PDB file of N, CA and C in Angstrom:
ATOM      1  N   MET A   1       7.012  -5.974 -11.754  1.00  0.00           N
ATOM      2  CA  MET A   1       6.186  -7.158 -11.657  1.00  0.00           C
ATOM      3  C   MET A   1       5.777  -7.564 -13.069  1.00  0.00           C
ATOM      4  N   PRO A   2       5.926  -8.833 -13.418  1.00  0.00           N
ATOM      5  CA  PRO A   2       5.540  -9.290 -14.755  1.00  0.00           C
ATOM      6  C   PRO A   2       4.059  -9.052 -15.002  1.00  0.00           C
ATOM      7  N   ALA A   3       3.720  -8.804 -16.264  1.00  0.00           N
ATOM      8  CA  ALA A   3       2.340  -8.487 -16.624  1.00  0.00           C
ATOM      9  C   ALA A   3       1.381  -9.588 -16.192  1.00  0.00           C
ATOM     10  N   ASP A   4       1.790 -10.855 -16.304  1.00  0.00           N
ATOM     11  CA  ASP A   4       0.888 -11.940 -15.953  1.00  0.00           C
ATOM     12  C   ASP A   4       0.684 -12.060 -14.441  1.00  0.00           C
ATOM     13  N   LYS A   5       1.523 -11.414 -13.649  1.00  0.00           N
ATOM     14  CA  LYS A   5       1.396 -11.435 -12.195  1.00  0.00           C
ATOM     15  C   LYS A   5       0.732 -10.174 -11.660  1.00  0.00           C
ATOM     16  N   LYS A   6       0.452  -9.221 -12.531  1.00  0.00           N
ATOM     17  CA  LYS A   6      -0.129  -7.954 -12.100  1.00  0.00           C
ATOM     18  C   LYS A   6      -1.562  -8.165 -11.633  1.00  0.00           C
ATOM     19  N   HIS A   7      -1.875  -7.584 -10.476  1.00  0.00           N
ATOM     20  CA  HIS A   7      -3.223  -7.705  -9.930  1.00  0.00           C
ATOM     21  C   HIS A   7      -4.173  -6.818 -10.713  1.00  0.00           C
ATOM     22  N   SER A   8      -5.418  -7.227 -10.763  1.00  0.00           N
ATOM     23  CA  SER A   8      -6.406  -6.461 -11.514  1.00  0.00           C
ATOM     24  C   SER A   8      -6.801  -5.192 -10.796  1.00  0.00           C
ATOM     25  N   GLY A   9      -6.645  -5.138  -9.501  1.00  0.00           N
ATOM     26  CA  GLY A   9      -6.980  -3.911  -8.793  1.00  0.00           C
ATOM     27  C   GLY A   9      -7.222  -4.133  -7.321  1.00  0.00           C
ATOM     28  N   LEU A  10      -7.483  -3.018  -6.652  1.00  0.00           N
ATOM     29  CA  LEU A  10      -7.756  -3.062  -5.222  1.00  0.00           C
ATOM     30  C   LEU A  10      -9.263  -3.027  -5.022  1.00  0.00           C
ATOM     31  N   THR A  11      -9.906  -4.178  -5.180  1.00  0.00           N
ATOM     32  CA  THR A  11     -11.353  -4.268  -5.014  1.00  0.00           C
ATOM     33  C   THR A  11     -11.678  -5.443  -4.109  1.00  0.00           C
ATOM     34  N   GLY A  12     -12.952  -5.709  -3.944  1.00  0.00           N
ATOM     35  CA  GLY A  12     -13.365  -6.836  -3.121  1.00  0.00           C
ATOM     36  C   GLY A  12     -12.920  -6.620  -1.689  1.00  0.00           C
ATOM     37  N   ASN A  13     -12.344  -7.628  -1.080  1.00  0.00           N
ATOM     38  CA  ASN A  13     -11.836  -7.524   0.273  1.00  0.00           C
ATOM     39  C   ASN A  13     -10.560  -6.683   0.210  1.00  0.00           C
ATOM     40  N   PHE A  14     -10.698  -5.393   0.456  1.00  0.00           N
ATOM     41  CA  PHE A  14      -9.592  -4.464   0.282  1.00  0.00           C
ATOM     42  C   PHE A  14      -8.366  -4.872   1.082  1.00  0.00           C
ATOM     43  N   SER A  15      -8.538  -5.228   2.339  1.00  0.00           N
ATOM     44  CA  SER A  15      -7.382  -5.542   3.174  1.00  0.00           C
ATOM     45  C   SER A  15      -6.587  -6.713   2.597  1.00  0.00           C
ATOM     46  N   GLU A  16      -7.282  -7.736   2.129  1.00  0.00           N
ATOM     47  CA  GLU A  16      -6.612  -8.900   1.548  1.00  0.00           C
ATOM     48  C   GLU A  16      -5.926  -8.540   0.230  1.00  0.00           C
ATOM     49  N   ARG A  17      -6.601  -7.751  -0.595  1.00  0.00           N
ATOM     50  CA  ARG A  17      -6.035  -7.366  -1.891  1.00  0.00           C
ATOM     51  C   ARG A  17      -4.801  -6.481  -1.713  1.00  0.00           C
ATOM     52  N   LEU A  18      -4.847  -5.590  -0.722  1.00  0.00           N
ATOM     53  CA  LEU A  18      -3.697  -4.737  -0.458  1.00  0.00           C
ATOM     54  C   LEU A  18      -2.504  -5.588  -0.040  1.00  0.00           C
ATOM     55  N   TYR A  19      -2.733  -6.524   0.872  1.00  0.00           N
ATOM     56  CA  TYR A  19      -1.664  -7.420   1.316  1.00  0.00           C
ATOM     57  C   TYR A  19      -1.086  -8.200   0.128  1.00  0.00           C
ATOM     58  N   GLN A  20      -1.955  -8.750  -0.703  1.00  0.00           N
ATOM     59  CA  GLN A  20      -1.495  -9.533  -1.856  1.00  0.00           C
ATOM     60  C   GLN A  20      -0.682  -8.671  -2.819  1.00  0.00           C
ATOM     61  N   ALA A  21      -1.157  -7.473  -3.096  1.00  0.00           N
ATOM     62  CA  ALA A  21      -0.446  -6.591  -4.028  1.00  0.00           C
ATOM     63  C   ALA A  21       0.895  -6.159  -3.451  1.00  0.00           C
ATOM     64  N   ARG A  22       0.924  -5.855  -2.159  1.00  0.00           N
ATOM     65  CA  ARG A  22       2.176  -5.423  -1.520  1.00  0.00           C
ATOM     66  C   ARG A  22       3.208  -6.543  -1.519  1.00  0.00           C
ATOM     67  N   THR A  23       2.801  -7.746  -1.126  1.00  0.00           N
ATOM     68  CA  THR A  23       3.759  -8.850  -1.077  1.00  0.00           C
ATOM     69  C   THR A  23       4.188  -9.277  -2.480  1.00  0.00           C
ATOM     70  N   ALA A  24       3.280  -9.211  -3.449  1.00  0.00           N
ATOM     71  CA  ALA A  24       3.636  -9.539  -4.833  1.00  0.00           C
ATOM     72  C   ALA A  24       4.671  -8.545  -5.371  1.00  0.00           C
ATOM     73  N   ALA A  25       4.602  -7.315  -4.884  1.00  0.00           N
ATOM     74  CA  ALA A  25       5.562  -6.291  -5.308  1.00  0.00           C
ATOM     75  C   ALA A  25       6.876  -6.408  -4.544  1.00  0.00           C
ATOM     76  N   GLY A  26       6.933  -7.306  -3.559  1.00  0.00           N
ATOM     77  CA  GLY A  26       8.146  -7.503  -2.790  1.00  0.00           C
ATOM     78  C   GLY A  26       8.443  -6.373  -1.816  1.00  0.00           C
ATOM     79  N   LEU A  27       7.398  -5.700  -1.342  1.00  0.00           N
ATOM     80  CA  LEU A  27       7.571  -4.566  -0.439  1.00  0.00           C
ATOM     81  C   LEU A  27       7.146  -4.918   0.981  1.00  0.00           C
ATOM     82  N   SER A  28       7.902  -4.438   1.947  1.00  0.00           N
ATOM     83  CA  SER A  28       7.468  -4.529   3.337  1.00  0.00           C
ATOM     84  C   SER A  28       6.468  -3.400   3.574  1.00  0.00           C
ATOM     85  N   GLN A  29       5.807  -3.427   4.705  1.00  0.00           N
ATOM     86  CA  GLN A  29       4.891  -2.330   5.021  1.00  0.00           C
ATOM     87  C   GLN A  29       5.653  -1.008   5.108  1.00  0.00           C
ATOM     88  N   SER A  30       6.858  -1.035   5.677  1.00  0.00           N
ATOM     89  CA  SER A  30       7.688   0.175   5.768  1.00  0.00           C
ATOM     90  C   SER A  30       8.099   0.671   4.389  1.00  0.00           C
ATOM     91  N   ASP A  31       8.480  -0.261   3.508  1.00  0.00           N
ATOM     92  CA  ASP A  31       8.857   0.122   2.133  1.00  0.00           C
ATOM     93  C   ASP A  31       7.691   0.787   1.423  1.00  0.00           C
ATOM     94  N   LEU A  32       6.502   0.201   1.569  1.00  0.00           N
ATOM     95  CA  LEU A  32       5.324   0.765   0.920  1.00  0.00           C
ATOM     96  C   LEU A  32       5.017   2.157   1.471  1.00  0.00           C
ATOM     97  N   ALA A  33       5.124   2.314   2.774  1.00  0.00           N
ATOM     98  CA  ALA A  33       4.891   3.635   3.378  1.00  0.00           C
ATOM     99  C   ALA A  33       5.865   4.669   2.826  1.00  0.00           C
ATOM    100  N   ARG A  34       7.136   4.283   2.690  1.00  0.00           N
ATOM    101  CA  ARG A  34       8.138   5.203   2.128  1.00  0.00           C
ATOM    102  C   ARG A  34       7.763   5.608   0.701  1.00  0.00           C
ATOM    103  N   GLU A  35       7.336   4.639  -0.087  1.00  0.00           N
ATOM    104  CA  GLU A  35       6.980   4.904  -1.482  1.00  0.00           C
ATOM    105  C   GLU A  35       5.718   5.774  -1.603  1.00  0.00           C
ATOM    106  N   VAL A  36       4.726   5.482  -0.791  1.00  0.00           N
ATOM    107  CA  VAL A  36       3.450   6.188  -0.887  1.00  0.00           C
ATOM    108  C   VAL A  36       3.540   7.605  -0.351  1.00  0.00           C
ATOM    109  N   TRP A  37       4.162   7.762   0.809  1.00  0.00           N
ATOM    110  CA  TRP A  37       4.164   9.069   1.456  1.00  0.00           C
ATOM    111  C   TRP A  37       5.494   9.796   1.355  1.00  0.00           C
ATOM    112  N   GLY A  38       6.438   9.233   0.592  1.00  0.00           N
ATOM    113  CA  GLY A  38       7.687   9.922   0.315  1.00  0.00           C
ATOM    114  C   GLY A  38       8.506  10.286   1.535  1.00  0.00           C
ATOM    115  N   VAL A  39       8.540   9.400   2.501  1.00  0.00           N
ATOM    116  CA  VAL A  39       9.313   9.662   3.715  1.00  0.00           C
ATOM    117  C   VAL A  39      10.792   9.685   3.376  1.00  0.00           C
ATOM    118  N   GLN A  40      11.460  10.724   3.807  1.00  0.00           N
ATOM    119  CA  GLN A  40      12.886  10.875   3.543  1.00  0.00           C
ATOM    120  C   GLN A  40      13.703  10.114   4.583  1.00  0.00           C
ATOM    121  N   ALA A  41      14.896   9.720   4.208  1.00  0.00           N
ATOM    122  CA  ALA A  41      15.774   8.957   5.094  1.00  0.00           C
ATOM    123  C   ALA A  41      16.058   9.698   6.402  1.00  0.00           C
ATOM    124  N   THR A  42      16.090  11.018   6.358  1.00  0.00           N
ATOM    125  CA  THR A  42      16.414  11.788   7.560  1.00  0.00           C
ATOM    126  C   THR A  42      15.305  11.785   8.596  1.00  0.00           C
ATOM    127  N   THR A  43      14.103  11.424   8.196  1.00  0.00           N
ATOM    128  CA  THR A  43      12.979  11.421   9.131  1.00  0.00           C
ATOM    129  C   THR A  43      12.386  10.025   9.300  1.00  0.00           C
ATOM    130  N   GLU A  44      13.150   9.008   8.955  1.00  0.00           N
ATOM    131  CA  GLU A  44      12.597   7.658   8.914  1.00  0.00           C
ATOM    132  C   GLU A  44      11.976   7.168  10.197  1.00  0.00           C
ATOM    133  N   GLY A  45      12.628   7.316  11.323  1.00  0.00           N
ATOM    134  CA  GLY A  45      12.131   6.733  12.567  1.00  0.00           C
ATOM    135  C   GLY A  45      10.636   6.848  12.778  1.00  0.00           C
ATOM    136  N   TYR A  46      10.179   7.991  13.214  1.00  0.00           N
ATOM    137  CA  TYR A  46       8.776   8.196  13.555  1.00  0.00           C
ATOM    138  C   TYR A  46       7.868   8.142  12.335  1.00  0.00           C
ATOM    139  N   GLU A  47       8.240   8.809  11.270  1.00  0.00           N
ATOM    140  CA  GLU A  47       7.369   8.901  10.093  1.00  0.00           C
ATOM    141  C   GLU A  47       7.139   7.544   9.432  1.00  0.00           C
ATOM    142  N   VAL A  48       8.187   6.737   9.312  1.00  0.00           N
ATOM    143  CA  VAL A  48       8.007   5.414   8.703  1.00  0.00           C
ATOM    144  C   VAL A  48       7.170   4.530   9.610  1.00  0.00           C
ATOM    145  N   ALA A  49       7.395   4.609  10.918  1.00  0.00           N
ATOM    146  CA  ALA A  49       6.598   3.804  11.843  1.00  0.00           C
ATOM    147  C   ALA A  49       5.126   4.192  11.744  1.00  0.00           C
ATOM    148  N   LYS A  50       4.860   5.482  11.637  1.00  0.00           N
ATOM    149  CA  LYS A  50       3.486   5.965  11.495  1.00  0.00           C
ATOM    150  C   LYS A  50       2.865   5.446  10.188  1.00  0.00           C
ATOM    151  N   GLY A  51       3.615   5.523   9.089  1.00  0.00           N
ATOM    152  CA  GLY A  51       3.130   5.022   7.800  1.00  0.00           C
ATOM    153  C   GLY A  51       2.940   3.516   7.808  1.00  0.00           C
ATOM    154  N   ARG A  52       3.893   2.800   8.418  1.00  0.00           N
ATOM    155  CA  ARG A  52       3.785   1.338   8.521  1.00  0.00           C
ATOM    156  C   ARG A  52       2.555   0.957   9.317  1.00  0.00           C
ATOM    157  N   ASP A  53       2.277   1.692  10.405  1.00  0.00           N
ATOM    158  CA  ASP A  53       1.088   1.415  11.212  1.00  0.00           C
ATOM    159  C   ASP A  53      -0.182   1.642  10.401  1.00  0.00           C
ATOM    160  N   ARG A  54      -0.154   2.654   9.542  1.00  0.00           N
ATOM    161  CA  ARG A  54      -1.320   2.946   8.696  1.00  0.00           C
ATOM    162  C   ARG A  54      -1.543   1.798   7.704  1.00  0.00           C
ATOM    163  N   ILE A  55      -0.466   1.329   7.060  1.00  0.00           N
ATOM    164  CA  ILE A  55      -0.583   0.201   6.120  1.00  0.00           C
ATOM    165  C   ILE A  55      -1.094  -1.030   6.863  1.00  0.00           C
ATOM    166  N   SER A  56      -0.556  -1.286   8.037  1.00  0.00           N
ATOM    167  CA  SER A  56      -0.982  -2.431   8.839  1.00  0.00           C
ATOM    168  C   SER A  56      -2.467  -2.331   9.165  1.00  0.00           C
ATOM    169  N   SER A  57      -2.919  -1.144   9.517  1.00  0.00           N
ATOM    170  CA  SER A  57      -4.330  -0.934   9.830  1.00  0.00           C
ATOM    171  C   SER A  57      -5.216  -1.217   8.613  1.00  0.00           C
ATOM    172  N   TYR A  58      -4.769  -0.802   7.440  1.00  0.00           N
ATOM    173  CA  TYR A  58      -5.504  -1.086   6.207  1.00  0.00           C
ATOM    174  C   TYR A  58      -5.569  -2.595   5.970  1.00  0.00           C
ATOM    175  N   GLU A  59      -4.425  -3.272   6.134  1.00  0.00           N
ATOM    176  CA  GLU A  59      -4.357  -4.706   5.849  1.00  0.00           C
ATOM    177  C   GLU A  59      -5.153  -5.540   6.850  1.00  0.00           C
ATOM    178  N   ARG A  60      -5.323  -5.048   8.055  1.00  0.00           N
ATOM    179  CA  ARG A  60      -6.107  -5.761   9.067  1.00  0.00           C
ATOM    180  C   ARG A  60      -7.581  -5.409   9.005  1.00  0.00           C
ATOM    181  N   GLY A  61      -7.937  -4.492   8.110  1.00  0.00           N
ATOM    182  CA  GLY A  61      -9.330  -4.095   7.976  1.00  0.00           C
ATOM    183  C   GLY A  61      -9.812  -3.177   9.083  1.00  0.00           C
ATOM    184  N   LYS A  62      -8.892  -2.580   9.817  1.00  0.00           N
ATOM    185  CA  LYS A  62      -9.246  -1.681  10.918  1.00  0.00           C
ATOM    186  C   LYS A  62      -9.609  -0.290  10.424  1.00  0.00           C
ATOM    187  N   SER A  63      -9.091   0.079   9.266  1.00  0.00           N
ATOM    188  CA  SER A  63      -9.421   1.370   8.663  1.00  0.00           C
ATOM    189  C   SER A  63      -9.283   1.242   7.154  1.00  0.00           C
ATOM    190  N   ALA A  64      -9.794   2.235   6.465  1.00  0.00           N
ATOM    191  CA  ALA A  64      -9.711   2.261   5.003  1.00  0.00           C
ATOM    192  C   ALA A  64      -9.096   3.593   4.585  1.00  0.00           C
ATOM    193  N   PRO A  65      -8.314   3.573   3.519  1.00  0.00           N
ATOM    194  CA  PRO A  65      -7.674   4.818   3.084  1.00  0.00           C
ATOM    195  C   PRO A  65      -8.673   5.789   2.466  1.00  0.00           C
ATOM    196  N   LYS A  66      -8.372   7.066   2.620  1.00  0.00           N
ATOM    197  CA  LYS A  66      -9.131   8.088   1.903  1.00  0.00           C
ATOM    198  C   LYS A  66      -8.784   7.949   0.432  1.00  0.00           C
ATOM    199  N   LYS A  67      -9.602   8.556  -0.411  1.00  0.00           N
ATOM    200  CA  LYS A  67      -9.444   8.394  -1.858  1.00  0.00           C
ATOM    201  C   LYS A  67      -8.046   8.765  -2.346  1.00  0.00           C
ATOM    202  N   ASP A  68      -7.473   9.862  -1.845  1.00  0.00           N
ATOM    203  CA  ASP A  68      -6.141  10.266  -2.314  1.00  0.00           C
ATOM    204  C   ASP A  68      -5.080   9.232  -1.942  1.00  0.00           C
ATOM    205  N   ASN A  69      -5.181   8.668  -0.745  1.00  0.00           N
ATOM    206  CA  ASN A  69      -4.226   7.632  -0.346  1.00  0.00           C
ATOM    207  C   ASN A  69      -4.459   6.337  -1.117  1.00  0.00           C
ATOM    208  N   LEU A  70      -5.708   6.021  -1.402  1.00  0.00           N
ATOM    209  CA  LEU A  70      -6.027   4.841  -2.207  1.00  0.00           C
ATOM    210  C   LEU A  70      -5.383   4.962  -3.584  1.00  0.00           C
ATOM    211  N   MET A  71      -5.480   6.143  -4.179  1.00  0.00           N
ATOM    212  CA  MET A  71      -4.887   6.367  -5.499  1.00  0.00           C
ATOM    213  C   MET A  71      -3.360   6.232  -5.437  1.00  0.00           C
ATOM    214  N   LYS A  72      -2.735   6.748  -4.375  1.00  0.00           N
ATOM    215  CA  LYS A  72      -1.282   6.636  -4.213  1.00  0.00           C
ATOM    216  C   LYS A  72      -0.869   5.170  -4.055  1.00  0.00           C
ATOM    217  N   LEU A  73      -1.616   4.429  -3.233  1.00  0.00           N
ATOM    218  CA  LEU A  73      -1.314   3.006  -3.047  1.00  0.00           C
ATOM    219  C   LEU A  73      -1.395   2.268  -4.376  1.00  0.00           C
ATOM    220  N   ALA A  74      -2.461   2.496  -5.119  1.00  0.00           N
ATOM    221  CA  ALA A  74      -2.644   1.818  -6.404  1.00  0.00           C
ATOM    222  C   ALA A  74      -1.519   2.162  -7.366  1.00  0.00           C
ATOM    223  N   ASP A  75      -1.114   3.420  -7.390  1.00  0.00           N
ATOM    224  CA  ASP A  75      -0.042   3.853  -8.280  1.00  0.00           C
ATOM    225  C   ASP A  75       1.277   3.159  -7.936  1.00  0.00           C
ATOM    226  N   VAL A  76       1.629   3.166  -6.666  1.00  0.00           N
ATOM    227  CA  VAL A  76       2.884   2.541  -6.236  1.00  0.00           C
ATOM    228  C   VAL A  76       2.876   1.042  -6.497  1.00  0.00           C
ATOM    229  N   LEU A  77       1.723   0.408  -6.274  1.00  0.00           N
ATOM    230  CA  LEU A  77       1.626  -1.049  -6.430  1.00  0.00           C
ATOM    231  C   LEU A  77       1.340  -1.482  -7.867  1.00  0.00           C
ATOM    232  N   GLY A  78       1.091  -0.517  -8.729  1.00  0.00           N
ATOM    233  CA  GLY A  78       0.862  -0.845 -10.140  1.00  0.00           C
ATOM    234  C   GLY A  78      -0.447  -1.565 -10.383  1.00  0.00           C
ATOM    235  N   VAL A  79      -1.464  -1.191  -9.627  1.00  0.00           N
ATOM    236  CA  VAL A  79      -2.794  -1.793  -9.793  1.00  0.00           C
ATOM    237  C   VAL A  79      -3.805  -0.705 -10.082  1.00  0.00           C
ATOM    238  N   GLN A  80      -4.981  -1.128 -10.511  1.00  0.00           N
ATOM    239  CA  GLN A  80      -6.060  -0.183 -10.791  1.00  0.00           C
ATOM    240  C   GLN A  80      -7.019  -0.141  -9.613  1.00  0.00           C
ATOM    241  N   VAL A  81      -7.626   1.016  -9.404  1.00  0.00           N
ATOM    242  CA  VAL A  81      -8.675   1.144  -8.409  1.00  0.00           C
ATOM    243  C   VAL A  81      -9.991   0.953  -9.152  1.00  0.00           C
ATOM    244  N   GLU A  82     -10.723  -0.066  -8.750  1.00  0.00           N
ATOM    245  CA  GLU A  82     -12.005  -0.338  -9.374  1.00  0.00           C
ATOM    246  C   GLU A  82     -13.110   0.091  -8.440  1.00  0.00           C
ATOM    247  N   HIS A  83     -14.148   0.672  -8.988  1.00  0.00           N
ATOM    248  CA  HIS A  83     -15.238   1.203  -8.162  1.00  0.00           C
ATOM    249  C   HIS A  83     -16.245   0.146  -7.820  1.00  0.00           C
TER     250      HIS A  83
END
């Protein structure tokens, strides 16, 4: 992602910022789940669906990630976590 398009971080309305960062990175929810949780191709079916559901839940504001998952999301998306 070009530097001028890089998001400042995952703050404010977390669900909206996560969606914006994910789509700006050109990732589907499944792609992001694979990147964050390292799902291998041999276990894609159930594990990717579970990860995709988790990302969807975050983006809909139904749940929030624990700190370790927040850090992984920020790392994969190339954004900073602001307190």
